[in-house]
């Protein structure tokens, strides 16, 4: 099973293909996702890369963290599990039950 990594400080112009190529230097990449704003479609400057093994993920963290990619020193770390979302659909401005 693969290991998901968080990648931060990405250039807003970076493509998923370029990110995949960069990470393929240290191992087999299973998937790449650059997070984008839903309204504008613009990159939010971070994303996720899934490596095919724990060992390759560890290599990516040690070899690629703080390396320059398109003019920015990226941060690479183990991705934390996503926190459960509030199922009420209120978001941060929710004032409670209606």
PDB file of N, CA and C in Angstrom:
ATOM      1  N   UNK A   1       0.833  -1.181   0.000  1.00  0.00           N
ATOM      2  CA  UNK A   1       0.000   0.000   0.000  1.00  0.00           C
ATOM      3  C   UNK A   1       0.876   1.243   0.000  1.00  0.00           C
ATOM      4  N   UNK A   2       0.431   2.280  -0.702  1.00  0.00           N
ATOM      5  CA  UNK A   2       1.201   3.504  -0.838  1.00  0.00           C
ATOM      6  C   UNK A   2       1.158   4.373   0.393  1.00  0.00           C
ATOM      7  N   UNK A   3       1.984   5.383   0.370  1.00  0.00           N
ATOM      8  CA  UNK A   3       2.075   6.338   1.470  1.00  0.00           C
ATOM      9  C   UNK A   3       1.860   7.732   0.914  1.00  0.00           C
ATOM     10  N   UNK A   4       0.912   8.467   1.496  1.00  0.00           N
ATOM     11  CA  UNK A   4       0.562   9.800   1.017  1.00  0.00           C
ATOM     12  C   UNK A   4       1.423  10.852   1.692  1.00  0.00           C
ATOM     13  N   UNK A   5       1.915  11.792   0.878  1.00  0.00           N
ATOM     14  CA  UNK A   5       2.752  12.884   1.361  1.00  0.00           C
ATOM     15  C   UNK A   5       2.083  14.219   1.096  1.00  0.00           C
ATOM     16  N   UNK A   6       2.264  15.148   2.015  1.00  0.00           N
ATOM     17  CA  UNK A   6       1.829  16.530   1.829  1.00  0.00           C
ATOM     18  C   UNK A   6       3.000  17.290   1.227  1.00  0.00           C
ATOM     19  N   UNK A   7       2.715  18.104   0.206  1.00  0.00           N
ATOM     20  CA  UNK A   7       3.748  18.908  -0.434  1.00  0.00           C
ATOM     21  C   UNK A   7       3.291  20.361  -0.416  1.00  0.00           C
ATOM     22  N   UNK A   8       4.048  21.215   0.255  1.00  0.00           N
ATOM     23  CA  UNK A   8       3.667  22.613   0.388  1.00  0.00           C
ATOM     24  C   UNK A   8       4.642  23.557  -0.281  1.00  0.00           C
ATOM     25  N   UNK A   9       4.245  24.811  -0.354  1.00  0.00           N
ATOM     26  CA  UNK A   9       5.014  25.906  -0.954  1.00  0.00           C
ATOM     27  C   UNK A   9       5.263  25.680  -2.444  1.00  0.00           C
ATOM     28  N   UNK A  10       4.257  25.149  -3.121  1.00  0.00           N
ATOM     29  CA  UNK A  10       4.375  24.913  -4.559  1.00  0.00           C
ATOM     30  C   UNK A  10       4.151  26.208  -5.344  1.00  0.00           C
ATOM     31  N   UNK A  11       4.822  26.312  -6.467  1.00  0.00           N
ATOM     32  CA  UNK A  11       4.582  27.416  -7.388  1.00  0.00           C
ATOM     33  C   UNK A  11       3.136  27.320  -7.873  1.00  0.00           C
ATOM     34  N   UNK A  12       2.478  28.465  -7.994  1.00  0.00           N
ATOM     35  CA  UNK A  12       1.079  28.466  -8.446  1.00  0.00           C
ATOM     36  C   UNK A  12       0.948  28.030  -9.900  1.00  0.00           C
ATOM     37  N   UNK A  13       2.054  28.016 -10.638  1.00  0.00           N
ATOM     38  CA  UNK A  13       2.035  27.626 -12.048  1.00  0.00           C
ATOM     39  C   UNK A  13       2.468  26.180 -12.279  1.00  0.00           C
ATOM     40  N   UNK A  14       2.813  25.464 -11.221  1.00  0.00           N
ATOM     41  CA  UNK A  14       3.300  24.094 -11.340  1.00  0.00           C
ATOM     42  C   UNK A  14       2.180  23.153 -11.780  1.00  0.00           C
ATOM     43  N   UNK A  15       2.495  22.272 -12.722  1.00  0.00           N
ATOM     44  CA  UNK A  15       1.515  21.281 -13.184  1.00  0.00           C
ATOM     45  C   UNK A  15       1.675  19.986 -12.391  1.00  0.00           C
ATOM     46  N   UNK A  16       0.617  19.196 -12.369  1.00  0.00           N
ATOM     47  CA  UNK A  16       0.675  17.897 -11.706  1.00  0.00           C
ATOM     48  C   UNK A  16       1.699  17.000 -12.389  1.00  0.00           C
ATOM     49  N   UNK A  17       1.840  17.130 -13.702  1.00  0.00           N
ATOM     50  CA  UNK A  17       2.815  16.325 -14.449  1.00  0.00           C
ATOM     51  C   UNK A  17       4.238  16.663 -14.011  1.00  0.00           C
ATOM     52  N   UNK A  18       4.528  17.947 -13.822  1.00  0.00           N
ATOM     53  CA  UNK A  18       5.868  18.355 -13.377  1.00  0.00           C
ATOM     54  C   UNK A  18       6.149  17.870 -11.962  1.00  0.00           C
ATOM     55  N   UNK A  19       5.138  17.933 -11.101  1.00  0.00           N
ATOM     56  CA  UNK A  19       5.297  17.458  -9.728  1.00  0.00           C
ATOM     57  C   UNK A  19       5.550  15.952  -9.718  1.00  0.00           C
ATOM     58  N   UNK A  20       4.825  15.228 -10.535  1.00  0.00           N
ATOM     59  CA  UNK A  20       5.022  13.772 -10.630  1.00  0.00           C
ATOM     60  C   UNK A  20       6.434  13.450 -11.114  1.00  0.00           C
ATOM     61  N   UNK A  21       6.898  14.151 -12.113  1.00  0.00           N
ATOM     62  CA  UNK A  21       8.244  13.920 -12.649  1.00  0.00           C
ATOM     63  C   UNK A  21       9.304  14.190 -11.578  1.00  0.00           C
ATOM     64  N   UNK A  22       9.123  15.263 -10.810  1.00  0.00           N
ATOM     65  CA  UNK A  22      10.061  15.616  -9.755  1.00  0.00           C
ATOM     66  C   UNK A  22      10.139  14.508  -8.708  1.00  0.00           C
ATOM     67  N   UNK A  23       8.996  13.976  -8.287  1.00  0.00           N
ATOM     68  CA  UNK A  23       8.972  12.939  -7.256  1.00  0.00           C
ATOM     69  C   UNK A  23       9.417  11.582  -7.800  1.00  0.00           C
ATOM     70  N   UNK A  24       9.306  11.372  -9.100  1.00  0.00           N
ATOM     71  CA  UNK A  24       9.719  10.086  -9.668  1.00  0.00           C
ATOM     72  C   UNK A  24      11.231   9.896  -9.602  1.00  0.00           C
ATOM     73  N   UNK A  25      11.976  10.953  -9.262  1.00  0.00           N
ATOM     74  CA  UNK A  25      13.424  10.835  -9.067  1.00  0.00           C
ATOM     75  C   UNK A  25      13.754   9.906  -7.901  1.00  0.00           C
ATOM     76  N   UNK A  26      12.857   9.800  -6.927  1.00  0.00           N
ATOM     77  CA  UNK A  26      13.137   9.015  -5.719  1.00  0.00           C
ATOM     78  C   UNK A  26      12.314   7.739  -5.607  1.00  0.00           C
ATOM     79  N   UNK A  27      11.403   7.491  -6.536  1.00  0.00           N
ATOM     80  CA  UNK A  27      10.611   6.269  -6.469  1.00  0.00           C
ATOM     81  C   UNK A  27       9.381   6.326  -7.351  1.00  0.00           C
ATOM     82  N   UNK A  28       8.583   5.275  -7.247  1.00  0.00           N
ATOM     83  CA  UNK A  28       7.376   5.164  -8.069  1.00  0.00           C
ATOM     84  C   UNK A  28       6.245   5.995  -7.467  1.00  0.00           C
ATOM     85  N   UNK A  29       5.687   6.870  -8.288  1.00  0.00           N
ATOM     86  CA  UNK A  29       4.590   7.738  -7.870  1.00  0.00           C
ATOM     87  C   UNK A  29       3.267   7.071  -8.244  1.00  0.00           C
ATOM     88  N   UNK A  30       2.390   6.912  -7.256  1.00  0.00           N
ATOM     89  CA  UNK A  30       1.076   6.315  -7.494  1.00  0.00           C
ATOM     90  C   UNK A  30       0.057   7.358  -7.945  1.00  0.00           C
ATOM     91  N   UNK A  31       0.074   8.550  -7.321  1.00  0.00           N
ATOM     92  CA  UNK A  31      -0.877   9.594  -7.688  1.00  0.00           C
ATOM     93  C   UNK A  31      -0.346  10.960  -7.267  1.00  0.00           C
ATOM     94  N   UNK A  32      -0.856  11.989  -7.942  1.00  0.00           N
ATOM     95  CA  UNK A  32      -0.491  13.376  -7.656  1.00  0.00           C
ATOM     96  C   UNK A  32      -1.762  14.210  -7.718  1.00  0.00           C
ATOM     97  N   UNK A  33      -1.924  15.110  -6.742  1.00  0.00           N
ATOM     98  CA  UNK A  33      -3.082  16.003  -6.734  1.00  0.00           C
ATOM     99  C   UNK A  33      -2.644  17.360  -6.211  1.00  0.00           C
ATOM    100  N   UNK A  34      -2.718  18.380  -7.053  1.00  0.00           N
ATOM    101  CA  UNK A  34      -2.497  19.752  -6.608  1.00  0.00           C
ATOM    102  C   UNK A  34      -3.865  20.316  -6.262  1.00  0.00           C
ATOM    103  N   UNK A  35      -4.003  20.839  -5.052  1.00  0.00           N
ATOM    104  CA  UNK A  35      -5.284  21.359  -4.577  1.00  0.00           C
ATOM    105  C   UNK A  35      -5.528  22.727  -5.208  1.00  0.00           C
ATOM    106  N   UNK A  36      -6.745  22.896  -5.743  1.00  0.00           N
ATOM    107  CA  UNK A  36      -7.106  24.138  -6.430  1.00  0.00           C
ATOM    108  C   UNK A  36      -8.348  24.751  -5.813  1.00  0.00           C
ATOM    109  N   UNK A  37      -8.429  26.066  -5.908  1.00  0.00           N
ATOM    110  CA  UNK A  37      -9.602  26.789  -5.450  1.00  0.00           C
ATOM    111  C   UNK A  37     -10.789  26.391  -6.325  1.00  0.00           C
ATOM    112  N   UNK A  38     -11.915  26.095  -5.711  1.00  0.00           N
ATOM    113  CA  UNK A  38     -13.079  25.634  -6.471  1.00  0.00           C
ATOM    114  C   UNK A  38     -13.636  26.714  -7.377  1.00  0.00           C
ATOM    115  N   UNK A  39     -13.592  27.947  -6.941  1.00  0.00           N
ATOM    116  CA  UNK A  39     -14.178  29.026  -7.748  1.00  0.00           C
ATOM    117  C   UNK A  39     -13.275  29.480  -8.874  1.00  0.00           C
ATOM    118  N   UNK A  40     -12.000  29.730  -8.557  1.00  0.00           N
ATOM    119  CA  UNK A  40     -11.090  30.297  -9.561  1.00  0.00           C
ATOM    120  C   UNK A  40     -10.334  29.234 -10.344  1.00  0.00           C
ATOM    121  N   UNK A  41     -10.195  28.039  -9.786  1.00  0.00           N
ATOM    122  CA  UNK A  41      -9.421  26.995 -10.433  1.00  0.00           C
ATOM    123  C   UNK A  41      -7.921  27.172 -10.255  1.00  0.00           C
ATOM    124  N   UNK A  42      -7.514  28.186  -9.492  1.00  0.00           N
ATOM    125  CA  UNK A  42      -6.107  28.482  -9.276  1.00  0.00           C
ATOM    126  C   UNK A  42      -5.549  27.583  -8.171  1.00  0.00           C
ATOM    127  N   UNK A  43      -4.299  27.179  -8.324  1.00  0.00           N
ATOM    128  CA  UNK A  43      -3.633  26.366  -7.316  1.00  0.00           C
ATOM    129  C   UNK A  43      -3.615  27.092  -5.975  1.00  0.00           C
ATOM    130  N   UNK A  44      -3.760  26.312  -4.899  1.00  0.00           N
ATOM    131  CA  UNK A  44      -3.657  26.875  -3.552  1.00  0.00           C
ATOM    132  C   UNK A  44      -2.222  26.790  -3.031  1.00  0.00           C
ATOM    133  N   UNK A  45      -1.299  26.255  -3.830  1.00  0.00           N
ATOM    134  CA  UNK A  45       0.106  26.205  -3.444  1.00  0.00           C
ATOM    135  C   UNK A  45       0.504  24.980  -2.650  1.00  0.00           C
ATOM    136  N   UNK A  46      -0.377  23.982  -2.599  1.00  0.00           N
ATOM    137  CA  UNK A  46      -0.019  22.728  -1.939  1.00  0.00           C
ATOM    138  C   UNK A  46      -0.728  21.578  -2.628  1.00  0.00           C
ATOM    139  N   UNK A  47      -0.266  20.376  -2.311  1.00  0.00           N
ATOM    140  CA  UNK A  47      -0.865  19.206  -2.920  1.00  0.00           C
ATOM    141  C   UNK A  47      -0.441  17.944  -2.194  1.00  0.00           C
ATOM    142  N   UNK A  48      -0.756  16.817  -2.819  1.00  0.00           N
ATOM    143  CA  UNK A  48      -0.465  15.515  -2.235  1.00  0.00           C
ATOM    144  C   UNK A  48       0.135  14.610  -3.290  1.00  0.00           C
ATOM    145  N   UNK A  49       1.122  13.838  -2.868  1.00  0.00           N
ATOM    146  CA  UNK A  49       1.755  12.849  -3.737  1.00  0.00           C
ATOM    147  C   UNK A  49       1.717  11.526  -2.993  1.00  0.00           C
ATOM    148  N   UNK A  50       1.269  10.485  -3.668  1.00  0.00           N
ATOM    149  CA  UNK A  50       1.264   9.164  -3.058  1.00  0.00           C
ATOM    150  C   UNK A  50       2.372   8.342  -3.694  1.00  0.00           C
ATOM    151  N   UNK A  51       3.296   7.884  -2.851  1.00  0.00           N
ATOM    152  CA  UNK A  51       4.393   7.027  -3.296  1.00  0.00           C
ATOM    153  C   UNK A  51       3.961   5.575  -3.113  1.00  0.00           C
ATOM    154  N   UNK A  52       4.594   4.672  -3.859  1.00  0.00           N
ATOM    155  CA  UNK A  52       4.132   3.281  -3.857  1.00  0.00           C
ATOM    156  C   UNK A  52       4.531   2.493  -2.611  1.00  0.00           C
ATOM    157  N   UNK A  53       5.496   2.984  -1.831  1.00  0.00           N
ATOM    158  CA  UNK A  53       5.888   2.250  -0.625  1.00  0.00           C
ATOM    159  C   UNK A  53       6.315   3.212   0.477  1.00  0.00           C
ATOM    160  N   UNK A  54       6.363   2.693   1.692  1.00  0.00           N
ATOM    161  CA  UNK A  54       6.818   3.468   2.842  1.00  0.00           C
ATOM    162  C   UNK A  54       8.260   3.925   2.634  1.00  0.00           C
ATOM    163  N   UNK A  55       9.083   3.035   2.105  1.00  0.00           N
ATOM    164  CA  UNK A  55      10.499   3.347   1.887  1.00  0.00           C
ATOM    165  C   UNK A  55      10.665   4.493   0.888  1.00  0.00           C
ATOM    166  N   UNK A  56       9.919   4.451  -0.205  1.00  0.00           N
ATOM    167  CA  UNK A  56      10.005   5.526  -1.199  1.00  0.00           C
ATOM    168  C   UNK A  56       9.480   6.843  -0.638  1.00  0.00           C
ATOM    169  N   UNK A  57       8.461   6.775   0.195  1.00  0.00           N
ATOM    170  CA  UNK A  57       7.941   7.982   0.835  1.00  0.00           C
ATOM    171  C   UNK A  57       8.995   8.578   1.762  1.00  0.00           C
ATOM    172  N   UNK A  58       9.667   7.737   2.537  1.00  0.00           N
ATOM    173  CA  UNK A  58      10.731   8.214   3.425  1.00  0.00           C
ATOM    174  C   UNK A  58      11.865   8.838   2.619  1.00  0.00           C
ATOM    175  N   UNK A  59      12.211   8.228   1.489  1.00  0.00           N
ATOM    176  CA  UNK A  59      13.245   8.787   0.616  1.00  0.00           C
ATOM    177  C   UNK A  59      12.818  10.145   0.068  1.00  0.00           C
ATOM    178  N   UNK A  60      11.562  10.263  -0.302  1.00  0.00           N
ATOM    179  CA  UNK A  60      11.058  11.534  -0.840  1.00  0.00           C
ATOM    180  C   UNK A  60      11.144  12.625   0.223  1.00  0.00           C
ATOM    181  N   UNK A  61      10.779  12.303   1.450  1.00  0.00           N
ATOM    182  CA  UNK A  61      10.842  13.294   2.529  1.00  0.00           C
ATOM    183  C   UNK A  61      12.284  13.732   2.754  1.00  0.00           C
ATOM    184  N   UNK A  62      13.198  12.761   2.872  1.00  0.00           N
ATOM    185  CA  UNK A  62      14.590  13.118   3.173  1.00  0.00           C
ATOM    186  C   UNK A  62      15.298  13.778   1.992  1.00  0.00           C
ATOM    187  N   UNK A  63      14.987  13.371   0.768  1.00  0.00           N
ATOM    188  CA  UNK A  63      15.705  13.886  -0.404  1.00  0.00           C
ATOM    189  C   UNK A  63      15.082  15.142  -1.021  1.00  0.00           C
ATOM    190  N   UNK A  64      13.775  15.306  -0.904  1.00  0.00           N
ATOM    191  CA  UNK A  64      13.108  16.396  -1.620  1.00  0.00           C
ATOM    192  C   UNK A  64      12.643  17.541  -0.732  1.00  0.00           C
ATOM    193  N   UNK A  65      12.542  17.313   0.575  1.00  0.00           N
ATOM    194  CA  UNK A  65      12.118  18.394   1.466  1.00  0.00           C
ATOM    195  C   UNK A  65      13.117  19.542   1.394  1.00  0.00           C
ATOM    196  N   UNK A  66      12.602  20.740   1.230  1.00  0.00           N
ATOM    197  CA  UNK A  66      13.386  21.973   1.152  1.00  0.00           C
ATOM    198  C   UNK A  66      14.215  22.090  -0.129  1.00  0.00           C
ATOM    199  N   UNK A  67      13.913  21.257  -1.132  1.00  0.00           N
ATOM    200  CA  UNK A  67      14.577  21.387  -2.435  1.00  0.00           C
ATOM    201  C   UNK A  67      13.833  22.397  -3.285  1.00  0.00           C
ATOM    202  N   UNK A  68      14.573  23.012  -4.183  1.00  0.00           N
ATOM    203  CA  UNK A  68      14.002  24.022  -5.070  1.00  0.00           C
ATOM    204  C   UNK A  68      13.256  23.357  -6.221  1.00  0.00           C
ATOM    205  N   UNK A  69      12.025  23.790  -6.416  1.00  0.00           N
ATOM    206  CA  UNK A  69      11.213  23.338  -7.553  1.00  0.00           C
ATOM    207  C   UNK A  69      10.539  24.567  -8.136  1.00  0.00           C
ATOM    208  N   UNK A  70      10.938  24.923  -9.329  1.00  0.00           N
ATOM    209  CA  UNK A  70      10.413  26.099 -10.023  1.00  0.00           C
ATOM    210  C   UNK A  70      10.492  27.366  -9.166  1.00  0.00           C
ATOM    211  N   UNK A  71      11.661  27.576  -8.540  1.00  0.00           N
ATOM    212  CA  UNK A  71      11.908  28.806  -7.812  1.00  0.00           C
ATOM    213  C   UNK A  71      11.422  28.847  -6.374  1.00  0.00           C
ATOM    214  N   UNK A  72      10.906  27.734  -5.871  1.00  0.00           N
ATOM    215  CA  UNK A  72      10.428  27.693  -4.481  1.00  0.00           C
ATOM    216  C   UNK A  72      11.000  26.472  -3.785  1.00  0.00           C
ATOM    217  N   UNK A  73      11.377  26.648  -2.526  1.00  0.00           N
ATOM    218  CA  UNK A  73      11.813  25.517  -1.714  1.00  0.00           C
ATOM    219  C   UNK A  73      10.573  24.843  -1.149  1.00  0.00           C
ATOM    220  N   UNK A  74      10.287  23.655  -1.652  1.00  0.00           N
ATOM    221  CA  UNK A  74       9.059  22.962  -1.263  1.00  0.00           C
ATOM    222  C   UNK A  74       9.239  22.260   0.078  1.00  0.00           C
ATOM    223  N   UNK A  75       8.123  22.030   0.753  1.00  0.00           N
ATOM    224  CA  UNK A  75       8.139  21.242   1.981  1.00  0.00           C
ATOM    225  C   UNK A  75       7.443  19.915   1.690  1.00  0.00           C
ATOM    226  N   UNK A  76       8.056  18.843   2.168  1.00  0.00           N
ATOM    227  CA  UNK A  76       7.515  17.497   1.963  1.00  0.00           C
ATOM    228  C   UNK A  76       7.438  16.819   3.323  1.00  0.00           C
ATOM    229  N   UNK A  77       6.257  16.328   3.664  1.00  0.00           N
ATOM    230  CA  UNK A  77       6.044  15.659   4.953  1.00  0.00           C
ATOM    231  C   UNK A  77       4.966  14.601   4.791  1.00  0.00           C
ATOM    232  N   UNK A  78       4.901  13.712   5.754  1.00  0.00           N
ATOM    233  CA  UNK A  78       3.846  12.705   5.752  1.00  0.00           C
ATOM    234  C   UNK A  78       2.498  13.403   5.893  1.00  0.00           C
ATOM    235  N   UNK A  79       1.552  13.025   5.055  1.00  0.00           N
ATOM    236  CA  UNK A  79       0.214  13.625   5.112  1.00  0.00           C
ATOM    237  C   UNK A  79      -0.512  13.103   6.342  1.00  0.00           C
ATOM    238  N   UNK A  80      -1.211  14.004   7.012  1.00  0.00           N
ATOM    239  CA  UNK A  80      -2.022  13.620   8.167  1.00  0.00           C
ATOM    240  C   UNK A  80      -3.413  13.247   7.673  1.00  0.00           C
ATOM    241  N   UNK A  81      -4.091  12.340   8.367  1.00  0.00           N
ATOM    242  CA  UNK A  81      -5.453  11.986   7.951  1.00  0.00           C
ATOM    243  C   UNK A  81      -6.360  13.218   7.979  1.00  0.00           C
ATOM    244  N   UNK A  82      -7.253  13.284   7.012  1.00  0.00           N
ATOM    245  CA  UNK A  82      -8.174  14.414   6.935  1.00  0.00           C
ATOM    246  C   UNK A  82      -9.156  14.352   8.098  1.00  0.00           C
ATOM    247  N   UNK A  83      -9.346  15.484   8.734  1.00  0.00           N
ATOM    248  CA  UNK A  83     -10.303  15.557   9.847  1.00  0.00           C
ATOM    249  C   UNK A  83     -11.710  15.371   9.303  1.00  0.00           C
ATOM    250  N   UNK A  84     -12.573  14.707  10.066  1.00  0.00           N
ATOM    251  CA  UNK A  84     -13.955  14.533   9.602  1.00  0.00           C
ATOM    252  C   UNK A  84     -14.638  15.893   9.446  1.00  0.00           C
ATOM    253  N   UNK A  85     -15.411  15.999   8.404  1.00  0.00           N
ATOM    254  CA  UNK A  85     -16.135  17.251   8.144  1.00  0.00           C
ATOM    255  C   UNK A  85     -17.442  17.260   8.909  1.00  0.00           C
ATOM    256  N   UNK A  86     -17.874  18.456   9.249  1.00  0.00           N
ATOM    257  CA  UNK A  86     -19.163  18.641   9.899  1.00  0.00           C
ATOM    258  C   UNK A  86     -20.243  18.298   8.876  1.00  0.00           C
ATOM    259  N   UNK A  87     -21.108  17.358   9.172  1.00  0.00           N
ATOM    260  CA  UNK A  87     -22.112  16.932   8.194  1.00  0.00           C
ATOM    261  C   UNK A  87     -23.306  17.869   8.101  1.00  0.00           C
ATOM    262  N   UNK A  88     -23.308  18.941   8.894  1.00  0.00           N
ATOM    263  CA  UNK A  88     -24.414  19.904   8.802  1.00  0.00           C
ATOM    264  C   UNK A  88     -24.260  20.813   7.593  1.00  0.00           C
ATOM    265  N   UNK A  89     -23.045  20.907   7.062  1.00  0.00           N
ATOM    266  CA  UNK A  89     -22.844  21.723   5.868  1.00  0.00           C
ATOM    267  C   UNK A  89     -22.754  23.206   6.135  1.00  0.00           C
ATOM    268  N   UNK A  90     -22.524  23.601   7.380  1.00  0.00           N
ATOM    269  CA  UNK A  90     -22.524  25.009   7.729  1.00  0.00           C
ATOM    270  C   UNK A  90     -21.238  25.733   7.433  1.00  0.00           C
ATOM    271  N   UNK A  91     -20.114  25.064   7.543  1.00  0.00           N
ATOM    272  CA  UNK A  91     -18.845  25.737   7.326  1.00  0.00           C
ATOM    273  C   UNK A  91     -18.448  26.589   8.516  1.00  0.00           C
ATOM    274  N   UNK A  92     -17.449  27.429   8.342  1.00  0.00           N
ATOM    275  CA  UNK A  92     -16.907  28.180   9.476  1.00  0.00           C
ATOM    276  C   UNK A  92     -17.815  29.307   9.942  1.00  0.00           C
ATOM    277  N   UNK A  93     -18.770  29.717   9.137  1.00  0.00           N
ATOM    278  CA  UNK A  93     -19.668  30.799   9.515  1.00  0.00           C
ATOM    279  C   UNK A  93     -20.996  30.289  10.071  1.00  0.00           C
ATOM    280  N   UNK A  94     -21.070  29.000  10.279  1.00  0.00           N
ATOM    281  CA  UNK A  94     -22.295  28.407  10.799  1.00  0.00           C
ATOM    282  C   UNK A  94     -22.548  28.911  12.214  1.00  0.00           C
ATOM    283  N   UNK A  95     -23.762  29.311  12.498  1.00  0.00           N
ATOM    284  CA  UNK A  95     -24.115  29.836  13.819  1.00  0.00           C
ATOM    285  C   UNK A  95     -24.888  28.820  14.648  1.00  0.00           C
ATOM    286  N   UNK A  96     -24.867  27.602  14.251  1.00  0.00           N
ATOM    287  CA  UNK A  96     -25.530  26.583  15.032  1.00  0.00           C
ATOM    288  C   UNK A  96     -26.815  26.112  14.377  1.00  0.00           C
ATOM    289  N   UNK A  97     -27.606  25.315  15.132  1.00  0.00           N
ATOM    290  CA  UNK A  97     -28.838  24.760  14.568  1.00  0.00           C
ATOM    291  C   UNK A  97     -29.828  25.854  14.173  1.00  0.00           C
ATOM    292  N   UNK A  98     -30.571  25.547  13.157  1.00  0.00           N
ATOM    293  CA  UNK A  98     -31.581  26.515  12.668  1.00  0.00           C
ATOM    294  C   UNK A  98     -32.957  26.048  12.999  1.00  0.00           C
TER     295      UNK A  98
END
